[in-house]
Amino acid sequence: NRNYIFELMLVSNLYRILNQQQEGTVIRAELEVDPLHDIFKGHFPSVPVLPGVCMVQCVKEVLESALNKKTQLKKADMIKFLTMLNPQESTLIVTEIVIREQTDSEISFQASLKSNNQFLLKYTGSLYILN
């Protein structure tokens, strides 16, 4: 049994943050995906992969966890999906988010998700800070 820091709200029990740390403007988190989650039964039944929208949402939710605030997408300047995550092969995702600029109402960032030292996602964007 692992100790979980924060359970995310995207889809109940789809993934959890195992550890998270922030050093200056860099946030790093290790996520664990539940390979038995129902989302993988439909995406795709013969070769399950983590949907790209879930990867994008991971970035948002890790930022929300670090900021302890809710956010809303303002702009996605660049999103590149580079490798698929098959939960039968790997369930761990390493997230790195670099905060480029932050005000009371907005945050801009550059993020990446990796699994087995391969990039899954590269994402540059900005979010509105809601509270």
Protein backbone atom coordinates (compact mmCIF):
# COMPACT_ATOMS: atom_id res chain seq x y z
CA ASN A 1 0.00 0.00 0.00
CA ARG A 2 1.35 3.38 -1.02
CA ASN A 3 0.61 6.65 0.70
CA TYR A 4 -1.11 9.02 -1.70
CA ILE A 5 -0.66 12.77 -1.40
CA PHE A 6 -3.63 13.88 -3.44
CA GLU A 7 -6.40 12.07 -5.30
CA LEU A 8 -7.32 13.80 -8.52
CA MET A 9 -10.83 14.58 -9.66
CA LEU A 10 -10.65 13.98 -13.44
CA VAL A 11 -12.16 10.52 -13.25
CA SER A 12 -12.55 8.76 -9.94
CA ASN A 13 -9.40 6.73 -9.26
CA LEU A 14 -7.94 7.07 -12.79
CA TYR A 15 -4.65 8.24 -11.31
CA ARG A 16 -3.08 9.51 -8.12
CA ILE A 17 -0.16 11.76 -7.25
CA LEU A 18 2.40 9.59 -5.47
CA ASN A 19 4.76 12.44 -4.69
CA GLN A 20 5.06 16.07 -5.60
CA GLN A 21 7.64 18.75 -4.95
CA GLN A 22 8.20 22.32 -6.00
CA GLU A 23 11.57 24.04 -6.26
CA GLY A 24 11.18 27.66 -7.25
CA THR A 25 9.24 27.72 -10.49
CA VAL A 26 9.55 23.96 -11.19
CA ILE A 27 6.90 21.46 -10.07
CA ARG A 28 7.66 17.75 -10.33
CA ALA A 29 5.16 15.00 -9.62
CA GLU A 30 5.00 11.25 -10.01
CA LEU A 31 1.59 9.89 -11.00
CA GLU A 32 0.28 6.34 -10.89
CA VAL A 33 -2.42 5.33 -13.37
CA ASP A 34 -4.89 2.59 -12.43
CA PRO A 35 -4.47 0.06 -15.28
CA LEU A 36 -7.85 -1.50 -14.49
CA HIS A 37 -9.84 1.73 -14.76
CA ASP A 38 -12.95 1.54 -16.98
CA ILE A 39 -11.64 4.30 -19.29
CA PHE A 40 -9.18 1.80 -20.76
CA LYS A 41 -11.97 -0.61 -21.74
CA GLY A 42 -13.20 1.84 -24.34
CA HIS A 43 -9.93 3.55 -25.31
CA PHE A 44 -9.10 1.12 -26.91
CA PRO A 45 -10.32 -2.40 -26.04
CA SER A 46 -7.53 -4.34 -27.80
CA VAL A 47 -4.70 -1.89 -27.04
CA PRO A 48 -5.57 0.38 -24.09
CA VAL A 49 -4.01 3.86 -24.04
CA LEU A 50 -4.39 6.86 -21.78
CA PRO A 51 -6.50 9.42 -23.68
CA GLY A 52 -4.68 12.62 -24.63
CA VAL A 53 -7.30 14.78 -22.93
CA CYS A 54 -6.48 12.97 -19.66
CA MET A 55 -2.79 13.83 -20.07
CA VAL A 56 -3.66 17.51 -20.58
CA GLN A 57 -5.93 17.39 -17.54
CA CYS A 58 -3.10 15.85 -15.47
CA VAL A 59 -1.06 19.01 -16.02
CA LYS A 60 -3.95 21.23 -14.93
CA GLU A 61 -4.63 19.17 -11.83
CA VAL A 62 -0.98 18.94 -10.76
CA LEU A 63 -0.79 22.73 -11.07
CA GLU A 64 -4.00 23.08 -9.03
CA SER A 65 -2.56 20.79 -6.36
CA ALA A 66 0.67 22.83 -6.19
CA LEU A 67 -1.16 26.18 -6.12
CA ASN A 68 -4.00 24.91 -3.91
CA LYS A 69 -6.35 26.78 -6.26
CA LYS A 70 -8.82 25.92 -9.02
CA THR A 71 -8.01 26.93 -12.58
CA GLN A 72 -9.58 27.15 -16.02
CA LEU A 73 -7.89 26.86 -19.40
CA LYS A 74 -7.06 30.21 -20.95
CA LYS A 75 -4.89 29.15 -23.87
CA ALA A 76 -3.05 26.11 -25.16
CA ASP A 77 -0.19 27.51 -27.22
CA MET A 78 1.26 24.11 -28.08
CA ILE A 79 0.25 20.53 -27.31
CA LYS A 80 2.26 17.64 -28.73
CA PHE A 81 1.37 14.02 -28.04
CA LEU A 82 4.59 12.10 -28.61
CA THR A 83 4.08 8.57 -27.26
CA MET A 84 1.06 6.62 -26.06
CA LEU A 85 0.85 5.29 -22.51
CA ASN A 86 -0.32 1.68 -22.48
CA PRO A 87 -1.22 0.93 -18.83
CA GLN A 88 -0.42 -2.75 -19.37
CA GLU A 89 3.21 -1.76 -20.00
CA SER A 90 3.67 1.15 -17.55
CA THR A 91 1.53 2.87 -14.93
CA LEU A 92 3.95 5.57 -13.79
CA ILE A 93 4.07 9.07 -15.25
CA VAL A 94 6.66 11.71 -14.35
CA THR A 95 5.33 15.24 -14.68
CA GLU A 96 7.44 18.39 -14.87
CA ILE A 97 5.88 21.84 -15.02
CA VAL A 98 7.88 25.04 -15.32
CA ILE A 99 5.97 28.18 -14.36
CA ARG A 100 6.89 30.86 -16.88
CA GLU A 101 4.82 33.69 -15.41
CA GLN A 102 2.27 33.98 -12.61
CA THR A 103 -0.07 36.74 -11.43
CA ASP A 104 -3.02 36.64 -9.05
CA SER A 105 -5.33 35.81 -11.95
CA GLU A 106 -3.24 33.84 -14.48
CA ILE A 107 -0.40 31.37 -14.77
CA SER A 108 1.58 30.43 -17.88
CA PHE A 109 3.63 27.24 -17.98
CA GLN A 110 5.61 24.72 -19.97
CA ALA A 111 4.94 21.07 -19.09
CA SER A 112 5.97 17.57 -20.02
CA LEU A 113 4.81 14.08 -19.12
CA LYS A 114 7.18 11.11 -19.39
CA SER A 115 6.94 7.39 -18.84
CA ASN A 116 9.93 5.05 -19.05
CA ASN A 117 12.09 8.06 -20.02
CA GLN A 118 9.97 8.69 -23.12
CA PHE A 119 7.99 11.88 -23.60
CA LEU A 120 4.24 11.33 -23.69
CA LEU A 121 3.28 15.00 -23.89
CA LYS A 122 4.81 18.45 -24.30
CA TYR A 123 2.45 21.29 -23.50
CA THR A 124 2.78 25.06 -23.30
CA GLY A 125 -0.19 27.10 -22.17
CA SER A 126 -1.85 29.34 -19.63
CA LEU A 127 -4.65 29.02 -17.11
CA TYR A 128 -6.91 31.46 -15.33
CA ILE A 129 -6.65 31.19 -11.55
CA LEU A 130 -10.20 31.06 -10.19
CA ASN A 131 -9.72 31.45 -6.42
